[in-house]
């Protein structure tokens, strides 16, 4: 599976801060029903709703070229946090940009 911030086809947009460049390891021994990302790397994409894109890995469509192979939307993944927050604090003045603050 690949995690995309846009549609799976025609232009897959991989998500930053996801191990494997956004692509999971191959399906495991459970009849191809479970996919996982390398846990030795940090899985920390920005919070949001993402598309899960699948590659059939058939003889005519190997999963080597991410942009061309992962074209089938197989689900969606909602990630809660982390998010990007900017705020400014200057000594003696109120902080600016703290609302809404999440994370």
N, C-alpha and C. Protein backbone atom coordinates (compact mmCIF):
# COMPACT_ATOMS: atom_id res chain seq x y z
N UNK A 1 0.84 -1.18 0.00
CA UNK A 1 0.00 0.00 0.00
C UNK A 1 0.87 1.24 0.00
N UNK A 2 0.35 2.29 -0.58
CA UNK A 2 1.00 3.59 -0.54
C UNK A 2 0.01 4.58 0.04
N UNK A 3 0.52 5.54 0.81
CA UNK A 3 -0.34 6.58 1.39
C UNK A 3 -0.19 7.82 0.53
N UNK A 4 -1.33 8.32 0.03
CA UNK A 4 -1.33 9.47 -0.86
C UNK A 4 -2.18 10.60 -0.29
N UNK A 5 -1.71 11.83 -0.48
CA UNK A 5 -2.50 12.97 -0.02
C UNK A 5 -3.50 13.42 -1.09
N UNK A 6 -3.37 12.89 -2.29
CA UNK A 6 -4.28 13.20 -3.39
C UNK A 6 -4.91 11.89 -3.84
N UNK A 7 -5.43 11.87 -5.04
CA UNK A 7 -6.00 10.64 -5.56
C UNK A 7 -4.89 9.65 -5.92
N UNK A 8 -5.25 8.40 -6.08
CA UNK A 8 -4.26 7.37 -6.44
C UNK A 8 -3.90 7.44 -7.90
N UNK A 9 -4.81 7.88 -8.73
CA UNK A 9 -4.56 7.95 -10.16
C UNK A 9 -5.18 9.23 -10.69
N UNK A 10 -4.58 9.93 -11.56
CA UNK A 10 -3.36 9.61 -12.29
C UNK A 10 -2.07 10.04 -11.60
N UNK A 11 -2.15 10.87 -10.57
CA UNK A 11 -0.90 11.37 -9.98
C UNK A 11 -0.87 11.11 -8.47
N UNK A 12 -0.23 10.04 -8.09
CA UNK A 12 -0.06 9.68 -6.69
C UNK A 12 0.84 10.72 -6.02
N UNK A 13 0.43 11.25 -4.87
CA UNK A 13 1.21 12.23 -4.13
C UNK A 13 1.56 11.62 -2.78
N UNK A 14 2.77 11.06 -2.66
CA UNK A 14 3.18 10.40 -1.43
C UNK A 14 3.28 11.39 -0.28
N UNK A 15 3.06 10.89 0.93
CA UNK A 15 3.01 11.72 2.13
C UNK A 15 4.38 11.71 2.81
N UNK A 16 4.82 12.89 3.23
CA UNK A 16 6.10 13.01 3.91
C UNK A 16 6.06 12.39 5.29
N UNK A 17 7.19 12.00 5.78
CA UNK A 17 7.41 11.44 7.12
C UNK A 17 6.68 10.11 7.33
N UNK A 18 6.61 9.32 6.24
CA UNK A 18 6.09 7.96 6.32
C UNK A 18 7.22 7.03 5.88
N UNK A 19 7.54 6.01 6.69
CA UNK A 19 8.62 5.09 6.33
C UNK A 19 8.43 4.48 4.94
N UNK A 20 9.53 4.10 4.34
CA UNK A 20 9.48 3.48 3.02
C UNK A 20 9.12 4.44 1.92
N UNK A 21 9.28 5.74 2.17
CA UNK A 21 8.90 6.72 1.16
C UNK A 21 7.41 6.78 0.93
N UNK A 22 6.62 6.32 1.91
CA UNK A 22 5.17 6.33 1.79
C UNK A 22 4.58 5.00 1.38
N UNK A 23 5.45 4.02 1.07
CA UNK A 23 5.00 2.72 0.61
C UNK A 23 5.26 1.67 1.68
N UNK A 24 4.25 0.85 1.98
CA UNK A 24 4.38 -0.18 3.00
C UNK A 24 5.26 -1.32 2.53
N UNK A 25 5.60 -2.19 3.46
CA UNK A 25 6.24 -3.45 3.08
C UNK A 25 5.19 -4.29 2.38
N UNK A 26 5.59 -5.32 1.68
CA UNK A 26 4.63 -6.17 0.97
C UNK A 26 3.65 -6.83 1.92
N UNK A 27 2.55 -7.31 1.39
CA UNK A 27 1.54 -7.98 2.20
C UNK A 27 2.17 -9.17 2.91
N UNK A 28 1.77 -9.37 4.16
CA UNK A 28 2.38 -10.46 4.93
C UNK A 28 1.69 -11.79 4.68
N UNK A 29 2.01 -12.73 5.50
CA UNK A 29 1.55 -14.12 5.32
C UNK A 29 0.06 -14.34 5.61
N UNK A 30 -0.69 -13.33 5.97
CA UNK A 30 -2.11 -13.51 6.29
C UNK A 30 -2.98 -13.36 5.04
N UNK A 31 -2.65 -14.11 4.03
CA UNK A 31 -3.41 -14.11 2.78
C UNK A 31 -3.46 -12.72 2.14
N UNK A 32 -2.42 -11.92 2.37
CA UNK A 32 -2.34 -10.61 1.75
C UNK A 32 -3.29 -9.58 2.31
N UNK A 33 -3.75 -9.77 3.55
CA UNK A 33 -4.73 -8.87 4.14
C UNK A 33 -4.13 -7.82 5.05
N UNK A 34 -2.85 -7.93 5.42
CA UNK A 34 -2.24 -6.98 6.34
C UNK A 34 -0.99 -6.38 5.72
N UNK A 35 -0.87 -5.09 5.86
CA UNK A 35 0.29 -4.35 5.38
C UNK A 35 0.85 -3.57 6.56
N UNK A 36 2.16 -3.35 6.55
CA UNK A 36 2.80 -2.61 7.64
C UNK A 36 3.92 -1.76 7.09
N UNK A 37 4.24 -0.70 7.82
CA UNK A 37 5.37 0.14 7.48
C UNK A 37 6.50 -0.20 8.44
N UNK A 38 7.71 -0.02 7.99
CA UNK A 38 8.91 -0.33 8.78
C UNK A 38 8.87 0.47 10.08
N UNK A 39 8.78 -0.23 11.22
CA UNK A 39 8.65 0.46 12.51
C UNK A 39 9.99 0.97 13.04
N UNK A 40 11.08 0.67 12.34
CA UNK A 40 12.37 1.21 12.80
C UNK A 40 12.50 2.69 12.43
N UNK A 41 11.63 3.16 11.55
CA UNK A 41 11.59 4.57 11.19
C UNK A 41 10.38 5.21 11.86
N UNK A 42 10.40 6.53 11.98
CA UNK A 42 9.27 7.24 12.60
C UNK A 42 8.12 7.37 11.60
N UNK A 43 6.92 7.05 12.05
CA UNK A 43 5.71 7.23 11.26
C UNK A 43 5.05 8.49 11.82
N UNK A 44 5.28 9.64 11.18
CA UNK A 44 4.79 10.90 11.74
C UNK A 44 4.27 11.85 10.67
N UNK A 45 3.35 11.39 9.80
CA UNK A 45 2.80 12.33 8.83
C UNK A 45 1.90 13.35 9.53
N UNK A 46 1.70 14.47 8.89
CA UNK A 46 0.80 15.48 9.44
C UNK A 46 -0.61 14.90 9.49
N UNK A 47 -1.38 15.29 10.49
CA UNK A 47 -2.75 14.80 10.62
C UNK A 47 -3.58 15.15 9.40
N UNK A 48 -4.47 14.26 9.03
CA UNK A 48 -5.34 14.50 7.88
C UNK A 48 -5.97 13.22 7.38
N UNK A 49 -6.73 13.33 6.31
CA UNK A 49 -7.38 12.18 5.68
C UNK A 49 -6.60 11.85 4.41
N UNK A 50 -6.13 10.60 4.33
CA UNK A 50 -5.29 10.17 3.22
C UNK A 50 -5.93 9.00 2.49
N UNK A 51 -5.52 8.83 1.24
CA UNK A 51 -5.98 7.69 0.44
C UNK A 51 -4.96 6.57 0.57
N UNK A 52 -5.43 5.34 0.63
CA UNK A 52 -4.57 4.16 0.59
C UNK A 52 -4.64 3.62 -0.84
N UNK A 53 -3.50 3.54 -1.48
CA UNK A 53 -3.44 3.13 -2.88
C UNK A 53 -2.75 1.77 -2.98
N UNK A 54 -3.34 0.89 -3.75
CA UNK A 54 -2.90 -0.50 -3.82
C UNK A 54 -2.31 -0.81 -5.18
N UNK A 55 -1.33 -1.69 -5.19
CA UNK A 55 -0.74 -2.19 -6.44
C UNK A 55 -1.00 -3.69 -6.50
N UNK A 56 -1.50 -4.16 -7.62
CA UNK A 56 -1.87 -5.57 -7.76
C UNK A 56 -0.66 -6.49 -7.78
N UNK A 57 0.51 -6.01 -8.19
CA UNK A 57 1.74 -6.80 -8.25
C UNK A 57 1.55 -8.06 -9.09
N UNK A 58 0.99 -7.87 -10.25
CA UNK A 58 0.82 -8.96 -11.21
C UNK A 58 1.99 -8.94 -12.18
N UNK A 59 2.10 -9.95 -12.99
CA UNK A 59 3.21 -10.03 -13.94
C UNK A 59 3.25 -8.81 -14.85
N UNK A 60 2.10 -8.30 -15.21
CA UNK A 60 2.06 -7.14 -16.12
C UNK A 60 2.16 -5.81 -15.39
N UNK A 61 2.07 -5.82 -14.07
CA UNK A 61 2.10 -4.56 -13.30
C UNK A 61 2.87 -4.76 -12.01
N UNK A 62 4.19 -4.72 -12.10
CA UNK A 62 5.02 -4.83 -10.90
C UNK A 62 4.95 -3.53 -10.11
N UNK A 63 5.19 -3.59 -8.84
CA UNK A 63 5.07 -2.43 -7.96
C UNK A 63 6.38 -1.69 -7.76
N UNK A 64 7.18 -1.57 -8.81
CA UNK A 64 8.47 -0.90 -8.69
C UNK A 64 8.35 0.61 -8.87
N UNK A 65 7.59 1.04 -9.84
CA UNK A 65 7.43 2.46 -10.10
C UNK A 65 6.19 2.96 -9.37
N UNK A 66 6.41 3.67 -8.28
CA UNK A 66 5.30 4.07 -7.40
C UNK A 66 4.26 4.89 -8.15
N UNK A 67 4.68 5.85 -8.93
CA UNK A 67 3.73 6.74 -9.61
C UNK A 67 2.85 6.00 -10.61
N UNK A 68 3.36 4.94 -11.22
CA UNK A 68 2.60 4.22 -12.25
C UNK A 68 1.88 2.99 -11.72
N UNK A 69 2.30 2.44 -10.58
CA UNK A 69 1.80 1.15 -10.14
C UNK A 69 0.65 1.22 -9.13
N UNK A 70 0.68 2.15 -8.20
CA UNK A 70 -0.30 2.19 -7.11
C UNK A 70 -1.50 3.05 -7.52
N UNK A 71 -2.36 2.49 -8.36
CA UNK A 71 -3.45 3.27 -8.94
C UNK A 71 -4.83 2.93 -8.40
N UNK A 72 -4.95 1.89 -7.60
CA UNK A 72 -6.26 1.44 -7.13
C UNK A 72 -6.48 1.93 -5.70
N UNK A 73 -7.51 2.77 -5.51
CA UNK A 73 -7.82 3.24 -4.15
C UNK A 73 -8.46 2.09 -3.38
N UNK A 74 -7.83 1.71 -2.26
CA UNK A 74 -8.32 0.57 -1.49
C UNK A 74 -8.86 0.97 -0.13
N UNK A 75 -8.82 2.23 0.20
CA UNK A 75 -9.35 2.68 1.48
C UNK A 75 -8.84 4.08 1.81
N UNK A 76 -9.20 4.51 3.00
CA UNK A 76 -8.77 5.83 3.48
C UNK A 76 -8.22 5.67 4.88
N UNK A 77 -7.31 6.55 5.22
CA UNK A 77 -6.66 6.52 6.53
C UNK A 77 -6.72 7.90 7.14
N UNK A 78 -7.34 8.01 8.31
CA UNK A 78 -7.39 9.30 9.02
C UNK A 78 -6.32 9.27 10.10
N UNK A 79 -5.45 10.26 10.06
CA UNK A 79 -4.39 10.39 11.05
C UNK A 79 -4.68 11.63 11.88
N UNK A 80 -4.77 11.43 13.18
CA UNK A 80 -5.01 12.54 14.10
C UNK A 80 -3.66 13.03 14.59
N UNK A 81 -3.31 14.29 14.22
CA UNK A 81 -2.04 14.90 14.63
C UNK A 81 -0.86 14.14 14.08
N UNK A 82 0.34 14.55 14.18
CA UNK A 82 0.69 15.91 14.59
C UNK A 82 0.33 16.91 13.51
N UNK A 83 0.31 18.17 13.87
CA UNK A 83 0.00 19.22 12.92
C UNK A 83 1.05 20.31 12.98
N UNK A 84 0.99 21.18 12.03
CA UNK A 84 1.93 22.30 11.99
C UNK A 84 1.28 23.49 12.67
N UNK A 85 1.94 24.01 13.67
CA UNK A 85 1.43 25.17 14.40
C UNK A 85 2.54 26.21 14.50
N UNK A 86 2.20 27.44 14.21
CA UNK A 86 3.14 28.52 14.38
C UNK A 86 2.55 29.53 15.33
N UNK A 87 3.36 29.98 16.26
CA UNK A 87 2.93 31.05 17.13
C UNK A 87 4.15 31.87 17.53
N UNK A 88 3.88 33.09 17.93
CA UNK A 88 4.95 34.00 18.29
C UNK A 88 4.73 34.50 19.70
N UNK A 89 5.77 34.52 20.47
CA UNK A 89 5.73 35.08 21.82
C UNK A 89 6.91 36.03 21.99
N UNK A 90 6.61 37.22 22.39
CA UNK A 90 7.64 38.21 22.69
C UNK A 90 7.47 38.61 24.14
N UNK A 91 8.57 38.58 24.85
CA UNK A 91 8.52 38.89 26.29
C UNK A 91 7.82 40.22 26.52
N UNK A 92 6.86 40.20 27.43
CA UNK A 92 6.11 41.40 27.79
C UNK A 92 4.90 41.66 26.92
N UNK A 93 4.65 40.81 25.92
CA UNK A 93 3.49 40.98 25.03
C UNK A 93 2.71 39.68 24.98
N UNK A 94 1.40 39.76 24.63
CA UNK A 94 0.63 38.52 24.49
C UNK A 94 1.16 37.69 23.32
N UNK A 95 1.06 36.36 23.46
CA UNK A 95 1.43 35.46 22.37
C UNK A 95 0.39 35.56 21.25
N UNK A 96 0.84 35.43 20.02
CA UNK A 96 -0.03 35.54 18.85
C UNK A 96 -0.11 34.18 18.17
N UNK A 97 -1.31 33.77 17.80
CA UNK A 97 -1.49 32.56 17.02
C UNK A 97 -1.64 31.29 17.82
N UNK A 98 -1.98 31.37 19.09
CA UNK A 98 -2.09 30.15 19.92
C UNK A 98 -3.44 29.46 19.77
N UNK A 99 -4.44 30.07 19.16
CA UNK A 99 -5.75 29.43 19.06
C UNK A 99 -6.06 29.14 17.61
N UNK A 100 -6.65 28.02 17.28
CA UNK A 100 -6.80 26.85 18.15
C UNK A 100 -5.48 26.10 18.20
N UNK A 101 -5.08 25.67 19.34
CA UNK A 101 -3.82 24.94 19.52
C UNK A 101 -4.16 23.49 19.78
N UNK A 102 -3.59 22.59 18.97
CA UNK A 102 -3.80 21.15 19.13
C UNK A 102 -2.47 20.46 19.16
N UNK A 103 -2.45 19.29 19.75
CA UNK A 103 -1.23 18.48 19.70
C UNK A 103 -0.38 18.56 20.93
